[in-house]
N, C-alpha and C. Protein backbone atom coordinates (compact mmCIF):
# COMPACT_ATOMS: atom_id res chain seq x y z
N MET A 1 42.78 61.14 104.18
CA MET A 1 43.61 61.38 105.34
C MET A 1 44.45 60.12 105.60
N ASP A 2 45.73 60.34 105.91
CA ASP A 2 46.57 59.17 106.16
C ASP A 2 46.66 58.88 107.66
N ILE A 3 47.18 57.72 107.98
CA ILE A 3 47.19 57.26 109.37
C ILE A 3 48.07 58.14 110.25
N GLU A 4 49.13 58.69 109.69
CA GLU A 4 50.00 59.56 110.49
C GLU A 4 49.28 60.83 110.90
N GLU A 5 48.51 61.39 110.00
CA GLU A 5 47.73 62.59 110.31
C GLU A 5 46.68 62.29 111.37
N ILE A 6 46.05 61.14 111.25
CA ILE A 6 45.05 60.73 112.26
C ILE A 6 45.72 60.58 113.63
N ALA A 7 46.88 59.93 113.66
CA ALA A 7 47.60 59.74 114.93
C ALA A 7 47.99 61.08 115.55
N GLU A 8 48.47 62.00 114.72
CA GLU A 8 48.85 63.32 115.24
C GLU A 8 47.63 64.05 115.79
N ASN A 9 46.51 63.95 115.11
CA ASN A 9 45.28 64.59 115.60
C ASN A 9 44.82 63.96 116.91
N PHE A 10 44.95 62.63 117.01
CA PHE A 10 44.59 61.94 118.26
C PHE A 10 45.44 62.47 119.41
N GLU A 11 46.72 62.67 119.15
CA GLU A 11 47.63 63.12 120.20
C GLU A 11 47.30 64.53 120.68
N LEU A 12 46.68 65.32 119.84
CA LEU A 12 46.29 66.68 120.23
C LEU A 12 45.06 66.70 121.14
N LEU A 13 44.30 65.61 121.12
CA LEU A 13 43.07 65.54 121.91
C LEU A 13 43.34 64.84 123.23
N ASP A 14 43.14 65.57 124.33
CA ASP A 14 43.47 65.02 125.65
C ASP A 14 42.38 64.10 126.19
N GLU A 15 41.14 64.42 125.92
CA GLU A 15 40.02 63.67 126.48
C GLU A 15 39.53 62.62 125.51
N TRP A 16 39.15 61.46 126.04
CA TRP A 16 38.65 60.41 125.16
C TRP A 16 37.30 60.75 124.57
N GLU A 17 36.53 61.55 125.25
CA GLU A 17 35.26 61.98 124.67
C GLU A 17 35.52 62.74 123.36
N ASP A 18 36.56 63.57 123.34
CA ASP A 18 36.92 64.30 122.12
C ASP A 18 37.44 63.34 121.04
N ARG A 19 38.16 62.32 121.46
CA ARG A 19 38.67 61.33 120.50
C ARG A 19 37.51 60.53 119.88
N TYR A 20 36.50 60.20 120.69
CA TYR A 20 35.32 59.53 120.15
C TYR A 20 34.62 60.42 119.12
N LYS A 21 34.50 61.69 119.44
CA LYS A 21 33.89 62.63 118.49
C LYS A 21 34.70 62.68 117.19
N TYR A 22 36.03 62.68 117.33
CA TYR A 22 36.89 62.69 116.16
C TYR A 22 36.71 61.41 115.34
N LEU A 23 36.61 60.26 116.02
CA LEU A 23 36.35 59.01 115.30
C LEU A 23 35.05 59.10 114.50
N ILE A 24 34.02 59.66 115.11
CA ILE A 24 32.74 59.82 114.42
C ILE A 24 32.90 60.73 113.21
N GLU A 25 33.66 61.81 113.35
CA GLU A 25 33.92 62.71 112.22
C GLU A 25 34.65 61.97 111.09
N LEU A 26 35.63 61.15 111.45
CA LEU A 26 36.36 60.37 110.44
C LEU A 26 35.40 59.46 109.69
N GLY A 27 34.52 58.81 110.43
CA GLY A 27 33.54 57.93 109.81
C GLY A 27 32.60 58.68 108.88
N ASP A 28 32.26 59.91 109.26
CA ASP A 28 31.38 60.72 108.42
C ASP A 28 32.05 61.14 107.12
N GLN A 29 33.39 61.10 107.08
CA GLN A 29 34.13 61.49 105.89
C GLN A 29 34.35 60.33 104.91
N LEU A 30 33.95 59.13 105.29
CA LEU A 30 34.10 57.99 104.37
C LEU A 30 33.32 58.25 103.08
N GLU A 31 33.86 57.74 101.98
CA GLU A 31 33.15 57.81 100.71
C GLU A 31 31.84 57.04 100.84
N PRO A 32 30.79 57.49 100.17
CA PRO A 32 29.54 56.72 100.21
C PRO A 32 29.78 55.28 99.75
N PHE A 33 29.19 54.35 100.46
CA PHE A 33 29.35 52.93 100.14
C PHE A 33 28.08 52.47 99.43
N PRO A 34 28.22 51.86 98.26
CA PRO A 34 27.03 51.47 97.48
C PRO A 34 26.11 50.52 98.24
N ALA A 35 24.83 50.81 98.22
CA ALA A 35 23.85 49.98 98.91
C ALA A 35 23.88 48.54 98.39
N GLU A 36 24.13 48.37 97.10
CA GLU A 36 24.12 47.02 96.54
C GLU A 36 25.30 46.16 97.04
N LYS A 37 26.31 46.81 97.64
CA LYS A 37 27.43 46.06 98.19
C LYS A 37 27.28 45.81 99.69
N GLN A 38 26.17 46.26 100.25
CA GLN A 38 25.88 45.97 101.65
C GLN A 38 25.15 44.63 101.71
N ASP A 39 25.92 43.59 101.35
CA ASP A 39 25.37 42.24 101.24
C ASP A 39 26.28 41.26 101.98
N GLN A 40 25.91 40.00 101.96
CA GLN A 40 26.67 38.96 102.67
C GLN A 40 28.09 38.83 102.13
N ALA A 41 28.29 39.03 100.85
CA ALA A 41 29.62 38.87 100.26
C ALA A 41 30.61 39.90 100.80
N HIS A 42 30.13 41.06 101.18
CA HIS A 42 30.99 42.14 101.66
C HIS A 42 30.94 42.33 103.18
N LYS A 43 30.05 41.60 103.82
CA LYS A 43 29.87 41.75 105.27
C LYS A 43 31.05 41.13 106.01
N VAL A 44 31.49 41.83 107.04
CA VAL A 44 32.58 41.34 107.89
C VAL A 44 31.94 40.57 109.05
N GLN A 45 32.28 39.30 109.14
CA GLN A 45 31.78 38.46 110.22
C GLN A 45 32.60 38.75 111.48
N GLY A 46 31.96 38.63 112.63
CA GLY A 46 32.66 38.85 113.89
C GLY A 46 32.49 40.24 114.46
N CYS A 47 31.68 41.06 113.80
CA CYS A 47 31.40 42.41 114.28
C CYS A 47 29.98 42.43 114.83
N VAL A 48 29.80 43.07 115.97
CA VAL A 48 28.47 43.21 116.54
C VAL A 48 27.64 44.13 115.65
N SER A 49 28.24 45.22 115.19
CA SER A 49 27.57 46.13 114.26
C SER A 49 27.65 45.54 112.85
N GLN A 50 26.84 46.08 111.97
CA GLN A 50 26.91 45.68 110.57
C GLN A 50 28.11 46.39 109.95
N VAL A 51 29.02 45.64 109.34
CA VAL A 51 30.22 46.21 108.71
C VAL A 51 30.39 45.56 107.35
N TRP A 52 30.64 46.40 106.34
CA TRP A 52 30.88 45.91 104.99
C TRP A 52 32.17 46.52 104.48
N ILE A 53 32.99 45.69 103.83
CA ILE A 53 34.24 46.15 103.24
C ILE A 53 34.32 45.63 101.81
N ASP A 54 34.73 46.51 100.90
CA ASP A 54 34.93 46.17 99.51
C ASP A 54 36.36 46.54 99.14
N SER A 55 36.84 46.00 98.04
CA SER A 55 38.21 46.30 97.61
C SER A 55 38.32 46.29 96.09
N ARG A 56 39.36 46.96 95.65
CA ARG A 56 39.72 46.96 94.23
C ARG A 56 41.24 46.86 94.19
N ALA A 57 41.74 45.85 93.48
CA ALA A 57 43.19 45.64 93.39
C ALA A 57 43.68 46.02 92.00
N GLU A 58 44.79 46.74 91.97
CA GLU A 58 45.44 47.05 90.70
C GLU A 58 46.18 45.81 90.21
N ASP A 59 46.43 45.75 88.93
CA ASP A 59 47.16 44.62 88.36
C ASP A 59 48.62 44.65 88.82
N GLY A 60 49.22 43.46 88.87
CA GLY A 60 50.63 43.36 89.20
C GLY A 60 50.89 42.24 90.17
N GLY A 61 52.17 41.90 90.30
CA GLY A 61 52.58 40.82 91.19
C GLY A 61 52.39 41.16 92.65
N ASP A 62 52.48 42.43 92.98
CA ASP A 62 52.25 42.90 94.35
C ASP A 62 51.22 44.04 94.24
N PRO A 63 49.97 43.66 94.00
CA PRO A 63 48.97 44.67 93.66
C PRO A 63 48.71 45.68 94.78
N VAL A 64 48.51 46.92 94.37
CA VAL A 64 48.05 47.95 95.29
C VAL A 64 46.55 47.75 95.46
N ILE A 65 46.11 47.76 96.71
CA ILE A 65 44.70 47.48 96.99
C ILE A 65 44.05 48.72 97.59
N HIS A 66 42.89 49.03 97.06
CA HIS A 66 42.10 50.16 97.54
C HIS A 66 40.85 49.59 98.21
N TYR A 67 40.62 50.00 99.44
CA TYR A 67 39.49 49.50 100.21
C TYR A 67 38.45 50.60 100.41
N SER A 68 37.22 50.17 100.59
CA SER A 68 36.14 51.06 101.01
C SER A 68 35.30 50.28 102.00
N GLY A 69 34.53 51.01 102.80
CA GLY A 69 33.71 50.32 103.78
C GLY A 69 32.73 51.23 104.45
N THR A 70 31.83 50.62 105.20
CA THR A 70 30.86 51.37 105.98
C THR A 70 30.32 50.49 107.10
N SER A 71 29.57 51.12 107.98
CA SER A 71 28.91 50.42 109.08
C SER A 71 27.63 51.16 109.42
N ASP A 72 26.78 50.48 110.17
CA ASP A 72 25.55 51.11 110.64
C ASP A 72 25.77 51.82 111.98
N ALA A 73 26.98 51.79 112.52
CA ALA A 73 27.28 52.41 113.81
C ALA A 73 28.33 53.51 113.63
N HIS A 74 28.10 54.66 114.26
CA HIS A 74 28.97 55.83 114.07
C HIS A 74 30.42 55.58 114.45
N ILE A 75 30.66 55.09 115.65
CA ILE A 75 32.05 54.89 116.09
C ILE A 75 32.72 53.81 115.25
N VAL A 76 31.98 52.79 114.89
CA VAL A 76 32.55 51.72 114.06
C VAL A 76 32.93 52.26 112.69
N ARG A 77 32.12 53.17 112.13
CA ARG A 77 32.52 53.81 110.86
C ARG A 77 33.84 54.54 111.04
N GLY A 78 34.03 55.15 112.20
CA GLY A 78 35.31 55.80 112.48
C GLY A 78 36.45 54.81 112.54
N LEU A 79 36.20 53.65 113.14
CA LEU A 79 37.23 52.60 113.17
C LEU A 79 37.53 52.09 111.78
N ILE A 80 36.51 52.03 110.93
CA ILE A 80 36.73 51.66 109.53
C ILE A 80 37.62 52.71 108.86
N ALA A 81 37.34 53.98 109.11
CA ALA A 81 38.15 55.05 108.51
C ALA A 81 39.62 54.92 108.93
N VAL A 82 39.85 54.61 110.20
CA VAL A 82 41.23 54.41 110.68
C VAL A 82 41.85 53.21 109.97
N THR A 83 41.11 52.12 109.87
CA THR A 83 41.61 50.91 109.21
C THR A 83 41.94 51.19 107.74
N LEU A 84 41.06 51.89 107.05
CA LEU A 84 41.31 52.21 105.65
C LEU A 84 42.50 53.14 105.49
N ALA A 85 42.65 54.10 106.41
CA ALA A 85 43.80 55.01 106.35
C ALA A 85 45.10 54.23 106.52
N LEU A 86 45.06 53.18 107.32
CA LEU A 86 46.25 52.37 107.57
C LEU A 86 46.60 51.47 106.39
N PHE A 87 45.58 50.91 105.72
CA PHE A 87 45.84 49.88 104.73
C PHE A 87 45.56 50.26 103.27
N SER A 88 44.59 51.09 103.00
CA SER A 88 44.15 51.32 101.63
C SER A 88 45.21 52.07 100.81
N GLY A 89 45.33 51.67 99.54
CA GLY A 89 46.27 52.32 98.64
C GLY A 89 47.70 51.84 98.80
N ARG A 90 47.88 50.70 99.43
CA ARG A 90 49.22 50.16 99.65
C ARG A 90 49.35 48.81 98.96
N PRO A 91 50.57 48.42 98.63
CA PRO A 91 50.79 47.09 98.03
C PRO A 91 50.42 45.98 99.02
N ALA A 92 49.98 44.87 98.48
CA ALA A 92 49.55 43.74 99.30
C ALA A 92 50.64 43.31 100.28
N SER A 93 51.90 43.30 99.84
CA SER A 93 52.99 42.87 100.73
C SER A 93 53.10 43.80 101.94
N GLU A 94 52.92 45.10 101.74
CA GLU A 94 52.98 46.05 102.86
C GLU A 94 51.78 45.86 103.79
N ILE A 95 50.62 45.61 103.21
CA ILE A 95 49.42 45.38 104.02
C ILE A 95 49.65 44.19 104.94
N LEU A 96 50.18 43.12 104.37
CA LEU A 96 50.39 41.90 105.15
C LEU A 96 51.49 42.07 106.20
N ALA A 97 52.46 42.96 105.96
CA ALA A 97 53.57 43.16 106.89
C ALA A 97 53.27 44.22 107.95
N THR A 98 52.16 44.92 107.81
CA THR A 98 51.84 46.01 108.73
C THR A 98 51.51 45.48 110.13
N ASP A 99 52.11 46.10 111.12
CA ASP A 99 51.81 45.78 112.52
C ASP A 99 50.74 46.75 113.00
N GLU A 100 49.50 46.39 112.72
CA GLU A 100 48.38 47.27 113.10
C GLU A 100 48.27 47.44 114.61
N GLY A 101 48.70 46.43 115.36
CA GLY A 101 48.64 46.52 116.82
C GLY A 101 49.43 47.70 117.35
N ALA A 102 50.61 47.95 116.78
CA ALA A 102 51.43 49.08 117.22
C ALA A 102 50.73 50.40 116.93
N VAL A 103 50.08 50.49 115.78
CA VAL A 103 49.36 51.71 115.43
C VAL A 103 48.16 51.90 116.35
N PHE A 104 47.40 50.84 116.55
CA PHE A 104 46.22 50.95 117.42
C PHE A 104 46.63 51.25 118.86
N ASP A 105 47.78 50.72 119.30
CA ASP A 105 48.29 51.05 120.63
C ASP A 105 48.64 52.53 120.72
N ARG A 106 49.28 53.05 119.67
CA ARG A 106 49.64 54.47 119.63
C ARG A 106 48.39 55.34 119.76
N LEU A 107 47.30 54.90 119.14
CA LEU A 107 46.05 55.65 119.21
C LEU A 107 45.31 55.43 120.53
N GLY A 108 45.72 54.40 121.27
CA GLY A 108 45.07 54.10 122.55
C GLY A 108 43.74 53.39 122.39
N LEU A 109 43.53 52.75 121.25
CA LEU A 109 42.23 52.14 120.99
C LEU A 109 41.93 50.96 121.90
N LYS A 110 42.93 50.14 122.19
CA LYS A 110 42.68 48.94 122.98
C LYS A 110 42.11 49.26 124.36
N GLU A 111 42.59 50.35 124.94
CA GLU A 111 42.14 50.70 126.28
C GLU A 111 40.80 51.43 126.30
N HIS A 112 40.38 51.94 125.15
CA HIS A 112 39.23 52.84 125.17
C HIS A 112 38.05 52.42 124.29
N ILE A 113 38.16 51.28 123.66
CA ILE A 113 36.97 50.78 122.95
C ILE A 113 36.52 49.50 123.64
N THR A 114 35.26 49.21 123.52
CA THR A 114 34.70 48.04 124.20
C THR A 114 35.31 46.75 123.64
N PRO A 115 35.28 45.67 124.42
CA PRO A 115 35.79 44.40 123.90
C PRO A 115 35.08 43.97 122.60
N GLN A 116 33.79 44.25 122.49
CA GLN A 116 33.06 43.89 121.27
C GLN A 116 33.60 44.67 120.07
N ARG A 117 33.84 45.97 120.27
CA ARG A 117 34.40 46.78 119.17
C ARG A 117 35.82 46.36 118.86
N SER A 118 36.58 46.00 119.89
CA SER A 118 37.95 45.53 119.68
C SER A 118 37.94 44.24 118.85
N ASN A 119 37.03 43.33 119.15
CA ASN A 119 36.91 42.10 118.35
C ASN A 119 36.49 42.42 116.93
N GLY A 120 35.58 43.37 116.77
CA GLY A 120 35.15 43.79 115.44
C GLY A 120 36.29 44.40 114.66
N LEU A 121 37.12 45.20 115.32
CA LEU A 121 38.28 45.80 114.67
C LEU A 121 39.25 44.72 114.20
N LYS A 122 39.46 43.71 115.04
CA LYS A 122 40.31 42.58 114.64
C LYS A 122 39.73 41.87 113.42
N SER A 123 38.43 41.72 113.39
CA SER A 123 37.77 41.07 112.25
C SER A 123 37.92 41.90 110.98
N MET A 124 37.82 43.22 111.11
CA MET A 124 38.01 44.10 109.94
C MET A 124 39.42 43.97 109.40
N VAL A 125 40.40 44.01 110.31
CA VAL A 125 41.80 43.90 109.88
C VAL A 125 42.04 42.54 109.23
N GLN A 126 41.48 41.49 109.81
CA GLN A 126 41.66 40.16 109.23
C GLN A 126 41.07 40.12 107.82
N ARG A 127 39.90 40.73 107.63
CA ARG A 127 39.28 40.77 106.30
C ARG A 127 40.17 41.50 105.31
N VAL A 128 40.72 42.64 105.72
CA VAL A 128 41.60 43.42 104.86
C VAL A 128 42.84 42.59 104.48
N LYS A 129 43.41 41.90 105.44
CA LYS A 129 44.61 41.10 105.18
C LYS A 129 44.27 39.86 104.34
N ASP A 130 43.09 39.28 104.55
CA ASP A 130 42.67 38.15 103.71
C ASP A 130 42.53 38.59 102.25
N ILE A 131 41.97 39.76 102.04
CA ILE A 131 41.85 40.30 100.68
C ILE A 131 43.22 40.49 100.07
N ALA A 132 44.18 41.01 100.84
CA ALA A 132 45.54 41.20 100.35
C ALA A 132 46.20 39.87 100.00
N THR A 133 45.98 38.86 100.82
CA THR A 133 46.53 37.53 100.53
C THR A 133 45.96 36.98 99.23
N GLN A 134 44.66 37.11 99.05
CA GLN A 134 44.01 36.62 97.83
C GLN A 134 44.50 37.40 96.60
N ALA A 135 44.69 38.69 96.74
CA ALA A 135 45.14 39.52 95.61
C ALA A 135 46.56 39.13 95.19
N ARG A 136 47.40 38.82 96.14
CA ARG A 136 48.78 38.40 95.79
C ARG A 136 48.78 37.04 95.10
N ALA A 137 47.87 36.19 95.51
CA ALA A 137 47.81 34.84 94.93
C ALA A 137 47.23 34.84 93.53
N ALA A 138 46.44 35.86 93.21
CA ALA A 138 45.75 35.89 91.90
C ALA A 138 46.69 36.20 90.76
C-alpha cells in the first residue's frame, strides 16, 4: 500500500478511534520480520516500544532502498507501516528530500499520538534517512 492510499483511507475515517484501528490493521499487514534481525544492530533508539528496521539497497549512484520493520506494540507497527509506505522503494535522494512532516500533518498524527510515540516516529524517520545517507555514500 502506498502513502497516498493510506492518506485517502485516513480521510474517509471521521473518528480517531477508527483511525487507530486502521493503523493497527496496517501494522498487521507488515511482512514478517526475521527474529534474527530483532537485535541491537537493527533496533531504533529513542522509541519507548521495541522497534527494529532493516534495509536493502539496490546498486547504483542513487540506490533505491527497500525497508522492513516491526515493533512489539500494535499502534507502533502501524506507524512503521506508514513510514515504510512513505519511504520504501524510493531512491535515496527522494528519501532524503521527503518532507515527512507534511505527510504526517495531513494524516493528523501529531495531534493524535502521544508525545512518546511522536518521538519514536521521529527516531524511525531519522533511522530511515540515516540509512539513505549511508547508501548514497557507499
